[in-house]
C-alpha atoms as a PDB file:
ATOM      1  CA  MET A   1       0.032  -0.054   0.021  1.00  0.00           C
ATOM      2  CA  SER A   2       1.487   3.493  -0.921  1.00  0.00           C
ATOM      3  CA  LYS A   3       2.373   5.808   1.748  1.00  0.00           C
ATOM      4  CA  THR A   4       2.346   9.497   2.573  1.00  0.00           C
ATOM      5  CA  PHE A   5       5.365  10.821   4.518  1.00  0.00           C
ATOM      6  CA  GLN A   6       5.076  13.688   6.935  1.00  0.00           C
ATOM      7  CA  ILE A   7       7.537  16.098   8.499  1.00  0.00           C
ATOM      8  CA  THR A   8       6.137  18.185  11.397  1.00  0.00           C
ATOM      9  CA  PHE A   9       8.145  21.252  12.373  1.00  0.00           C
ATOM     10  CA  LEU A  10       6.900  22.224  15.994  1.00  0.00           C
ATOM     11  CA  ILE A  11       7.841  25.949  17.013  1.00  0.00           C
ATOM     12  CA  LYS A  12       8.462  26.559  20.672  1.00  0.00           C
ATOM     13  CA  THR A  13       9.037  30.166  21.121  1.00  0.00           C
ATOM     14  CA  ALA A  14       7.134  33.312  22.669  1.00  0.00           C
ATOM     15  CA  ASP A  15       6.982  34.892  19.299  1.00  0.00           C
ATOM     16  CA  LEU A  16       5.184  32.171  17.378  1.00  0.00           C
ATOM     17  CA  LEU A  17       3.885  33.902  14.382  1.00  0.00           C
ATOM     18  CA  GLY A  18       7.036  35.648  13.738  1.00  0.00           C
ATOM     19  CA  ALA A  19       8.976  32.408  13.957  1.00  0.00           C
ATOM     20  CA  ALA A  20       6.520  30.659  11.809  1.00  0.00           C
ATOM     21  CA  ASP A  21       6.974  33.084   8.966  1.00  0.00           C
ATOM     22  CA  ILE A  22      10.752  32.822   9.101  1.00  0.00           C
ATOM     23  CA  LEU A  23      10.516  29.064   9.098  1.00  0.00           C
ATOM     24  CA  ARG A  24       8.135  28.982   6.106  1.00  0.00           C
ATOM     25  CA  ASP A  25      10.771  31.236   4.203  1.00  0.00           C
ATOM     26  CA  VAL A  26      13.472  28.816   5.132  1.00  0.00           C
ATOM     27  CA  LEU A  27      11.572  25.688   4.002  1.00  0.00           C
ATOM     28  CA  VAL A  28      10.638  27.264   0.732  1.00  0.00           C
ATOM     29  CA  LEU A  29      13.767  29.045  -0.111  1.00  0.00           C
ATOM     30  CA  ASP A  30      16.414  26.968   1.671  1.00  0.00           C
ATOM     31  CA  LEU A  31      15.108  23.602   1.403  1.00  0.00           C
ATOM     32  CA  LYS A  32      13.198  24.037  -2.026  1.00  0.00           C
ATOM     33  CA  ILE A  33       9.989  22.936  -0.427  1.00  0.00           C
ATOM     34  CA  ASP A  34       6.908  23.775  -2.638  1.00  0.00           C
ATOM     35  CA  ARG A  35       4.979  26.448  -0.621  1.00  0.00           C
ATOM     36  CA  TYR A  36       1.560  24.470  -1.383  1.00  0.00           C
ATOM     37  CA  ALA A  37       2.885  21.466   0.282  1.00  0.00           C
ATOM     38  CA  ILE A  38       3.174  23.429   3.626  1.00  0.00           C
ATOM     39  CA  ILE A  39       0.367  23.145   5.934  1.00  0.00           C
ATOM     40  CA  GLU A  40       0.251  25.410   9.059  1.00  0.00           C
ATOM     41  CA  ARG A  41      -1.575  24.333  12.282  1.00  0.00           C
ATOM     42  CA  VAL A  42      -2.205  26.844  15.031  1.00  0.00           C
ATOM     43  CA  THR A  43      -3.101  26.049  18.604  1.00  0.00           C
ATOM     44  CA  LYS A  44      -3.173  28.204  21.756  1.00  0.00           C
ATOM     45  CA  LYS A  45       0.214  26.988  22.732  1.00  0.00           C
ATOM     46  CA  ASN A  46       2.128  26.441  19.432  1.00  0.00           C
ATOM     47  CA  ILE A  47       2.265  26.670  15.829  1.00  0.00           C
ATOM     48  CA  SER A  48       3.399  23.755  13.638  1.00  0.00           C
ATOM     49  CA  LEU A  49       4.287  23.674   9.924  1.00  0.00           C
ATOM     50  CA  MET A  50       3.822  20.206   8.338  1.00  0.00           C
ATOM     51  CA  VAL A  51       5.163  19.057   5.160  1.00  0.00           C
ATOM     52  CA  PHE A  52       3.782  15.971   3.171  1.00  0.00           C
ATOM     53  CA  SER A  53       5.449  13.999   0.371  1.00  0.00           C
ATOM     54  CA  SER A  54       4.905  10.665  -1.462  1.00  0.00           C
ATOM     55  CA  SER A  55       8.577   9.884  -1.417  1.00  0.00           C
ATOM     56  CA  SER A  56      10.264   8.561   1.834  1.00  0.00           C
ATOM     57  CA  SER A  57      13.807   9.504   0.474  1.00  0.00           C
ATOM     58  CA  ARG A  58      12.698  12.993  -0.340  1.00  0.00           C
ATOM     59  CA  SER A  59      11.219  13.424   3.139  1.00  0.00           C
ATOM     60  CA  LYS A  60      14.249  12.187   4.883  1.00  0.00           C
ATOM     61  CA  ASN A  61      16.549  14.278   2.731  1.00  0.00           C
ATOM     62  CA  ILE A  62      14.580  17.232   3.896  1.00  0.00           C
ATOM     63  CA  LEU A  63      14.886  16.229   7.513  1.00  0.00           C
ATOM     64  CA  ASP A  64      18.662  15.822   7.291  1.00  0.00           C
ATOM     65  CA  LYS A  65      19.130  19.196   5.573  1.00  0.00           C
ATOM     66  CA  PHE A  66      16.900  20.803   8.230  1.00  0.00           C
ATOM     67  CA  LYS A  67      18.867  19.378  11.100  1.00  0.00           C
ATOM     68  CA  LYS A  68      22.071  20.773   9.647  1.00  0.00           C
ATOM     69  CA  LEU A  69      20.618  24.311   9.987  1.00  0.00           C
ATOM     70  CA  ASN A  70      20.710  23.997  13.736  1.00  0.00           C
ATOM     71  CA  LEU A  71      17.555  26.294  14.061  1.00  0.00           C
ATOM     72  CA  LYS A  72      16.684  26.898  17.735  1.00  0.00           C
ATOM     73  CA  HIS A  73      13.270  26.564  19.137  1.00  0.00           C
ATOM     74  CA  VAL A  74      12.168  24.210  16.459  1.00  0.00           C
ATOM     75  CA  ILE A  75      11.621  20.474  16.607  1.00  0.00           C
ATOM     76  CA  ALA A  76      11.283  18.292  13.406  1.00  0.00           C
ATOM     77  CA  ARG A  77       9.290  14.974  13.562  1.00  0.00           C
ATOM     78  CA  TYR A  78       9.008  12.292  10.886  1.00  0.00           C
ATOM     79  CA  SER A  79       6.058  10.133  10.460  1.00  0.00           C
ATOM     80  CA  GLU A  80       4.242   7.967   7.816  1.00  0.00           C
ATOM     81  CA  MET A  81       0.773   6.755   7.052  1.00  0.00           C
ATOM     82  CA  ASP A  82      -1.183   4.956   4.515  1.00  0.00           C
ATOM     83  CA  ASN A  83      -2.312   7.202   1.681  1.00  0.00           C
ATOM     84  CA  GLU A  84      -6.037   5.874   1.958  1.00  0.00           C
ATOM     85  CA  TYR A  85      -6.109   6.725   5.747  1.00  0.00           C
ATOM     86  CA  TRP A  86      -4.534  10.190   5.204  1.00  0.00           C
ATOM     87  CA  GLN A  87      -6.717  11.260   2.126  1.00  0.00           C
ATOM     88  CA  ASN A  88      -9.936  10.085   3.997  1.00  0.00           C
ATOM     89  CA  LYS A  89      -8.750  11.830   7.173  1.00  0.00           C
ATOM     90  CA  TRP A  90      -8.403  15.488   5.681  1.00  0.00           C
ATOM     91  CA  LYS A  91     -11.316  14.902   3.200  1.00  0.00           C
ATOM     92  CA  GLU A  92     -13.610  14.712   6.215  1.00  0.00           C
ATOM     93  CA  ASP A  93     -12.845  18.359   6.936  1.00  0.00           C
ATOM     94  CA  PHE A  94     -13.134  19.605   3.357  1.00  0.00           C
ATOM     95  CA  LYS A  95     -16.734  20.640   2.919  1.00  0.00           C
ATOM     96  CA  PRO A  96     -18.373  23.027   0.298  1.00  0.00           C
ATOM     97  CA  PHE A  97     -17.658  26.773   1.403  1.00  0.00           C
ATOM     98  CA  ALA A  98     -18.081  30.198   0.102  1.00  0.00           C
ATOM     99  CA  LEU A  99     -14.706  31.403  -1.421  1.00  0.00           C
ATOM    100  CA  THR A 100     -16.034  34.926  -2.535  1.00  0.00           C
ATOM    101  CA  SER A 101     -19.448  36.518  -2.594  1.00  0.00           C
ATOM    102  CA  ASP A 102     -20.180  34.810  -6.114  1.00  0.00           C
ATOM    103  CA  ILE A 103     -18.072  31.621  -5.962  1.00  0.00           C
ATOM    104  CA  VAL A 104     -18.484  28.454  -3.827  1.00  0.00           C
ATOM    105  CA  VAL A 105     -15.784  25.855  -3.653  1.00  0.00           C
ATOM    106  CA  VAL A 106     -16.992  22.144  -3.804  1.00  0.00           C
ATOM    107  CA  PRO A 107     -14.922  19.220  -3.332  1.00  0.00           C
ATOM    108  CA  ALA A 108     -14.767  17.356  -6.795  1.00  0.00           C
ATOM    109  CA  TRP A 109     -15.941  14.128  -5.339  1.00  0.00           C
ATOM    110  CA  LEU A 110     -19.195  15.857  -4.214  1.00  0.00           C
ATOM    111  CA  LYS A 111     -20.101  17.157  -7.769  1.00  0.00           C
ATOM    112  CA  SER A 112     -22.857  14.525  -8.381  1.00  0.00           C
ATOM    113  CA  THR A 113     -24.584  15.166  -4.945  1.00  0.00           C
ATOM    114  CA  TYR A 114     -24.090  18.773  -4.173  1.00  0.00           C
ATOM    115  CA  CYS A 115     -27.034  21.071  -4.538  1.00  0.00           C
ATOM    116  CA  HIS A 116     -26.254  24.699  -5.099  1.00  0.00           C
ATOM    117  CA  LYS A 117     -27.852  28.069  -5.834  1.00  0.00           C
ATOM    118  CA  LYS A 118     -28.077  28.901  -9.391  1.00  0.00           C
ATOM    119  CA  SER A 119     -26.935  32.517  -8.606  1.00  0.00           C
ATOM    120  CA  LYS A 120     -23.623  31.035  -7.358  1.00  0.00           C
ATOM    121  CA  LYS A 121     -20.593  30.088  -9.557  1.00  0.00           C
ATOM    122  CA  ILE A 122     -19.123  26.604  -8.530  1.00  0.00           C
ATOM    123  CA  ILE A 123     -15.435  25.588  -8.617  1.00  0.00           C
ATOM    124  CA  TYR A 124     -14.687  21.958  -8.181  1.00  0.00           C
ATOM    125  CA  ILE A 125     -11.304  21.107  -6.488  1.00  0.00           C
ATOM    126  CA  ASP A 126      -9.703  17.976  -5.902  1.00  0.00           C
ATOM    127  CA  SER A 127      -6.080  17.761  -4.463  1.00  0.00           C
ATOM    128  CA  ASN A 128      -3.666  14.751  -3.545  1.00  0.00           C
ATOM    129  CA  LEU A 129      -3.143  16.435  -0.197  1.00  0.00           C
ATOM    130  CA  ALA A 130      -4.755  19.036   2.046  1.00  0.00           C
ATOM    131  CA  PHE A 131      -3.465  22.167   0.343  1.00  0.00           C
ATOM    132  CA  GLY A 132      -4.515  24.322  -2.365  1.00  0.00           C
ATOM    133  CA  THR A 133      -8.158  23.741  -1.689  1.00  0.00           C
ATOM    134  CA  GLY A 134      -8.865  27.569  -1.016  1.00  0.00           C
ATOM    135  CA  MET A 135      -9.488  27.397   2.746  1.00  0.00           C
ATOM    136  CA  HIS A 136      -6.329  29.523   3.460  1.00  0.00           C
ATOM    137  CA  GLU A 137      -6.929  33.144   4.055  1.00  0.00           C
ATOM    138  CA  THR A 138      -4.317  34.115   1.367  1.00  0.00           C
ATOM    139  CA  THR A 139      -6.114  32.222  -1.396  1.00  0.00           C
ATOM    140  CA  ARG A 140      -9.538  33.921  -0.140  1.00  0.00           C
ATOM    141  CA  PHE A 141      -7.886  37.426  -0.263  1.00  0.00           C
ATOM    142  CA  MET A 142      -6.625  36.810  -3.854  1.00  0.00           C
ATOM    143  CA  SER A 143      -9.917  35.562  -4.936  1.00  0.00           C
ATOM    144  CA  GLU A 144     -11.716  38.503  -3.764  1.00  0.00           C
ATOM    145  CA  LEU A 145      -9.239  40.756  -5.350  1.00  0.00           C
ATOM    146  CA  ILE A 146      -9.586  38.912  -8.613  1.00  0.00           C
ATOM    147  CA  GLU A 147     -13.307  38.887  -8.399  1.00  0.00           C
ATOM    148  CA  SER A 148     -13.370  42.788  -7.574  1.00  0.00           C
ATOM    149  CA  LEU A 149     -11.680  43.264 -11.124  1.00  0.00           C
ATOM    150  CA  LYS A 150     -14.299  41.206 -13.108  1.00  0.00           C
ATOM    151  CA  GLY A 151     -14.802  42.773 -16.536  1.00  0.00           C
ATOM    152  CA  LYS A 152     -11.434  44.764 -16.329  1.00  0.00           C
ATOM    153  CA  PHE A 153      -9.114  41.974 -17.669  1.00  0.00           C
ATOM    154  CA  ASN A 154      -8.920  39.448 -20.272  1.00  0.00           C
ATOM    155  CA  SER A 155      -5.405  37.890 -20.013  1.00  0.00           C
ATOM    156  CA  PHE A 156      -4.258  36.433 -16.573  1.00  0.00           C
ATOM    157  CA  LEU A 157      -1.053  35.074 -15.168  1.00  0.00           C
ATOM    158  CA  ASP A 158      -0.986  32.843 -12.171  1.00  0.00           C
ATOM    159  CA  ILE A 159       2.496  32.472 -10.594  1.00  0.00           C
ATOM    160  CA  GLY A 160       2.508  29.659  -8.310  1.00  0.00           C
ATOM    161  CA  THR A 161      -0.556  28.140  -9.237  1.00  0.00           C
ATOM    162  CA  GLY A 162      -0.783  25.118  -6.966  1.00  0.00           C
ATOM    163  CA  THR A 163      -4.048  23.331  -7.524  1.00  0.00           C
ATOM    164  CA  GLY A 164      -5.068  26.037 -10.016  1.00  0.00           C
ATOM    165  CA  ILE A 165      -7.701  27.442  -7.786  1.00  0.00           C
ATOM    166  CA  LEU A 166      -6.748  31.238  -8.581  1.00  0.00           C
ATOM    167  CA  ALA A 167      -6.720  30.358 -12.280  1.00  0.00           C
ATOM    168  CA  LEU A 168     -10.278  28.878 -11.889  1.00  0.00           C
ATOM    169  CA  VAL A 169     -11.390  32.099 -10.167  1.00  0.00           C
ATOM    170  CA  ALA A 170      -9.906  34.175 -12.955  1.00  0.00           C
ATOM    171  CA  LEU A 171     -11.634  32.168 -15.713  1.00  0.00           C
ATOM    172  CA  ASN A 172     -14.986  32.373 -13.832  1.00  0.00           C
ATOM    173  CA  CYS A 173     -14.426  35.961 -13.886  1.00  0.00           C
ATOM    174  CA  GLY A 174     -14.076  36.202 -17.626  1.00  0.00           C
ATOM    175  CA  ALA A 175     -10.407  35.718 -18.385  1.00  0.00           C
ATOM    176  CA  THR A 176     -10.090  34.423 -21.895  1.00  0.00           C
ATOM    177  CA  ASP A 177      -6.348  34.191 -22.024  1.00  0.00           C
ATOM    178  CA  MET A 178      -4.909  32.256 -19.065  1.00  0.00           C
ATOM    179  CA  MET A 179      -1.332  31.176 -18.199  1.00  0.00           C
ATOM    180  CA  ALA A 180      -0.247  29.516 -14.976  1.00  0.00           C
ATOM    181  CA  LEU A 181       2.994  28.036 -13.772  1.00  0.00           C
ATOM    182  CA  ASP A 182       4.421  26.274 -10.748  1.00  0.00           C
ATOM    183  CA  ILE A 183       7.935  24.907  -9.709  1.00  0.00           C
ATOM    184  CA  SER A 184       6.221  21.574  -8.704  1.00  0.00           C
ATOM    185  CA  GLU A 185       5.298  19.053 -11.515  1.00  0.00           C
ATOM    186  CA  ASP A 186       2.721  17.526  -9.143  1.00  0.00           C
ATOM    187  CA  CYS A 187       0.885  20.813  -8.690  1.00  0.00           C
ATOM    188  CA  ILE A 188       0.805  21.483 -12.549  1.00  0.00           C
ATOM    189  CA  LYS A 189      -0.584  18.040 -13.071  1.00  0.00           C
ATOM    190  CA  ASN A 190      -3.182  18.729 -10.337  1.00  0.00           C
ATOM    191  CA  ALA A 191      -4.063  22.218 -11.718  1.00  0.00           C
ATOM    192  CA  ASP A 192      -4.571  20.565 -15.328  1.00  0.00           C
ATOM    193  CA  GLU A 193      -6.953  17.996 -13.863  1.00  0.00           C
ATOM    194  CA  ASN A 194      -8.898  20.591 -11.980  1.00  0.00           C
ATOM    195  CA  LEU A 195      -9.030  22.926 -14.798  1.00  0.00           C
ATOM    196  CA  ARG A 196     -10.381  20.031 -17.056  1.00  0.00           C
ATOM    197  CA  PHE A 197     -12.795  18.898 -14.527  1.00  0.00           C
ATOM    198  CA  ASN A 198     -14.251  22.239 -14.293  1.00  0.00           C
ATOM    199  CA  GLY A 199     -14.738  22.244 -18.298  1.00  0.00           C
ATOM    200  CA  TYR A 200     -11.718  24.370 -19.325  1.00  0.00           C
ATOM    201  CA  ASN A 201      -9.476  23.322 -22.030  1.00  0.00           C
ATOM    202  CA  ASP A 202      -7.839  26.387 -23.274  1.00  0.00           C
ATOM    203  CA  TYR A 203      -5.076  27.583 -21.341  1.00  0.00           C
ATOM    204  CA  VAL A 204      -1.079  27.385 -20.906  1.00  0.00           C
ATOM    205  CA  LEU A 205       0.427  25.475 -17.901  1.00  0.00           C
ATOM    206  CA  LEU A 206       4.188  25.653 -17.226  1.00  0.00           C
ATOM    207  CA  THR A 207       6.512  23.801 -14.860  1.00  0.00           C
ATOM    208  CA  GLY A 208       9.477  25.805 -13.512  1.00  0.00           C
ATOM    209  CA  ASP A 209      10.893  28.453 -11.406  1.00  0.00           C
ATOM    210  CA  PHE A 210       9.143  31.943 -12.316  1.00  0.00           C
ATOM    211  CA  GLY A 211      12.672  33.661 -11.406  1.00  0.00           C
ATOM    212  CA  GLY A 212      14.349  31.420 -14.145  1.00  0.00           C
ATOM    213  CA  SER A 213      11.490  31.542 -16.661  1.00  0.00           C
ATOM    214  CA  LYS A 214      11.453  33.281 -20.066  1.00  0.00           C
ATOM    215  CA  ILE A 215       8.057  34.839 -20.007  1.00  0.00           C
ATOM    216  CA  ASN A 216       8.061  37.888 -22.154  1.00  0.00           C
ATOM    217  CA  LYS A 217       4.398  38.303 -22.493  1.00  0.00           C
ATOM    218  CA  LYS A 218       2.403  41.035 -20.584  1.00  0.00           C
ATOM    219  CA  PHE A 219      -1.053  40.499 -18.854  1.00  0.00           C
ATOM    220  CA  ASP A 220      -4.008  42.543 -17.695  1.00  0.00           C
ATOM    221  CA  LEU A 221      -3.779  40.834 -14.373  1.00  0.00           C
ATOM    222  CA  VAL A 222      -1.003  39.067 -12.636  1.00  0.00           C
ATOM    223  CA  ALA A 223      -1.447  36.897  -9.386  1.00  0.00           C
ATOM    224  CA  ALA A 224       1.383  35.911  -7.261  1.00  0.00           C
ATOM    225  CA  ASN A 225       0.440  34.209  -3.974  1.00  0.00           C
ATOM    226  CA  LEU A 226       3.974  33.270  -2.712  1.00  0.00           C
ATOM    227  CA  VAL A 227       5.856  34.162   0.369  1.00  0.00           C
ATOM    228  CA  SER A 228       7.356  37.505   1.217  1.00  0.00           C
ATOM    229  CA  LEU A 229      11.108  36.677   0.417  1.00  0.00           C
ATOM    230  CA  GLU A 230      10.035  35.208  -3.100  1.00  0.00           C
ATOM    231  CA  LEU A 231       7.992  38.219  -3.861  1.00  0.00           C
ATOM    232  CA  LEU A 232      10.926  40.544  -2.977  1.00  0.00           C
ATOM    233  CA  ALA A 233      13.489  38.543  -4.832  1.00  0.00           C
ATOM    234  CA  MET A 234      11.440  38.327  -8.065  1.00  0.00           C
ATOM    235  CA  ALA A 235       9.541  41.915  -7.866  1.00  0.00           C
ATOM    236  CA  ASP A 236      11.043  43.306 -10.835  1.00  0.00           C
ATOM    237  CA  LYS A 237      10.368  40.276 -13.095  1.00  0.00           C
ATOM    238  CA  ILE A 238       6.744  40.128 -11.710  1.00  0.00           C
ATOM    239  CA  ILE A 239       6.166  43.857 -12.460  1.00  0.00           C
ATOM    240  CA  LYS A 240       7.420  43.426 -15.984  1.00  0.00           C
ATOM    241  CA  CYS A 241       4.677  40.914 -16.690  1.00  0.00           C
ATOM    242  CA  VAL A 242       1.872  43.530 -15.948  1.00  0.00           C
ATOM    243  CA  LYS A 243       0.555  45.478 -18.871  1.00  0.00           C
ATOM    244  CA  ILE A 244       0.336  49.270 -18.604  1.00  0.00           C
ATOM    245  CA  GLY A 245      -2.986  49.778 -17.127  1.00  0.00           C
ATOM    246  CA  GLY A 246      -2.959  46.345 -15.740  1.00  0.00           C
ATOM    247  CA  TYR A 247      -3.144  44.998 -12.318  1.00  0.00           C
ATOM    248  CA  LEU A 248      -1.020  43.014  -9.945  1.00  0.00           C
ATOM    249  CA  ALA A 249      -2.524  40.940  -6.854  1.00  0.00           C
ATOM    250  CA  VAL A 250       0.188  39.701  -4.426  1.00  0.00           C
ATOM    251  CA  SER A 251      -0.292  37.677  -1.106  1.00  0.00           C
ATOM    252  CA  GLY A 252       1.627  35.347   1.240  1.00  0.00           C
ATOM    253  CA  ILE A 253       2.774  38.518   2.823  1.00  0.00           C
ATOM    254  CA  SER A 254       3.348  38.191   6.667  1.00  0.00           C
ATOM    255  CA  HIS A 255       2.648  41.160   9.025  1.00  0.00           C
ATOM    256  CA  ASP A 256       6.377  41.633   9.624  1.00  0.00           C
ATOM    257  CA  ASN A 257       7.214  41.991   5.988  1.00  0.00           C
ATOM    258  CA  PHE A 258       4.145  43.956   4.910  1.00  0.00           C
ATOM    259  CA  LYS A 259       5.644  47.318   4.809  1.00  0.00           C
ATOM    260  CA  LYS A 260       8.831  46.245   2.892  1.00  0.00           C
ATOM    261  CA  VAL A 261       6.864  44.472   0.319  1.00  0.00           C
ATOM    262  CA  LYS A 262       4.395  47.231  -0.103  1.00  0.00           C
ATOM    263  CA  MET A 263       7.241  49.795  -0.414  1.00  0.00           C
ATOM    264  CA  VAL A 264       9.323  47.750  -3.084  1.00  0.00           C
ATOM    265  CA  PHE A 265       6.173  47.223  -5.388  1.00  0.00           C
ATOM    266  CA  ALA A 266       4.974  50.735  -4.758  1.00  0.00           C
ATOM    267  CA  GLN A 267       8.126  51.952  -6.447  1.00  0.00           C
ATOM    268  CA  SER A 268       6.760  51.009  -9.795  1.00  0.00           C
ATOM    269  CA  LEU A 269       3.016  50.411  -9.094  1.00  0.00           C
ATOM    270  CA  LYS A 270       0.147  52.232  -7.325  1.00  0.00           C
ATOM    271  CA  PRO A 271      -1.474  50.400  -4.367  1.00  0.00           C
ATOM    272  CA  VAL A 272      -5.148  50.120  -4.985  1.00  0.00           C
ATOM    273  CA  SER A 273      -6.617  47.789  -2.274  1.00  0.00           C
ATOM    274  CA  VAL A 274      -5.151  45.989   0.865  1.00  0.00           C
ATOM    275  CA  LYS A 275      -6.555  43.115   2.727  1.00  0.00           C
ATOM    276  CA  LYS A 276      -5.336  42.208   6.167  1.00  0.00           C
ATOM    277  CA  GLY A 277      -6.087  39.160   8.061  1.00  0.00           C
ATOM    278  CA  LYS A 278      -5.206  37.370  11.224  1.00  0.00           C
ATOM    279  CA  ASP A 279      -1.794  36.339   9.939  1.00  0.00           C
ATOM    280  CA  TRP A 280      -1.486  37.226   6.211  1.00  0.00           C
ATOM    281  CA  ASN A 281      -1.850  40.241   3.960  1.00  0.00           C
ATOM    282  CA  ALA A 282      -2.607  40.884   0.296  1.00  0.00           C
ATOM    283  CA  ILE A 283      -2.147  43.829  -1.817  1.00  0.00           C
ATOM    284  CA  LEU A 284      -3.669  45.042  -5.066  1.00  0.00           C
ATOM    285  CA  PHE A 285      -1.547  47.212  -7.241  1.00  0.00           C
ATOM    286  CA  LYS A 286      -2.187  49.032 -10.732  1.00  0.00           C
ATOM    287  CA  LYS A 287       0.526  49.673 -13.183  1.00  0.00           C
ATOM    288  CA  GLY A 288       0.226  53.484 -14.623  1.00  0.00           C
ATOM    289  CA  THR A 289       1.399  54.970 -17.759  1.00  0.00           C
END
């Protein structure tokens, strides 16, 4: 029977949120872990970041590299479970929910039984693991920003697409020219499956690191739901993908990094809207003449 392998990074420090933001950046940038494979769990006493993989050797390699970092206040634990048990376990908590005022997210396996209001648009999502389902507040922020621009964009670029949920939101809001990319082949495969399951066939999906990509095209709307350090590192290249008069929506911004991220992008773009949540922030910019 196939297995899912889990590494849990338990944070033990008074500054839990600050430490979680730093640790997430370390996992993404130093250990090359896909951001969508990181699940955050918050309790009254601690915060833990969990990473899931279908490869035992990959998981153990991550664990070995992490131990060499000698990070204080973080304990890493390794475990494994049967795929069937894991998938059934997280799917019990994945129920239909309102992503925006107009869009409802429904688990793909409930398509034949879910009854919905005709006034609402439905996005069906499936995922191999419990990430990219749309329940994270950064995804909700980005979806709301995209929906607020309905009728103002045709072309759309999704940087770090994950399950393709933001691409689906954009397509539901009228995008006719959609490109999405992700560094993870598994994510691109999952996004392709979700797009087709929702009835879309005309789009471009790319696998690779956006920082090293050769995308010369410009778009009416660009979405980048990443982490703060990735946004800062690729700011110039992200901005170049936005058309004059177009928009850029960014999220995955921690409270500690909010001012810095906003300042860097505001050097070339005009801030239009800000969404602040319990742990994360999102910003909508417009590119002037």
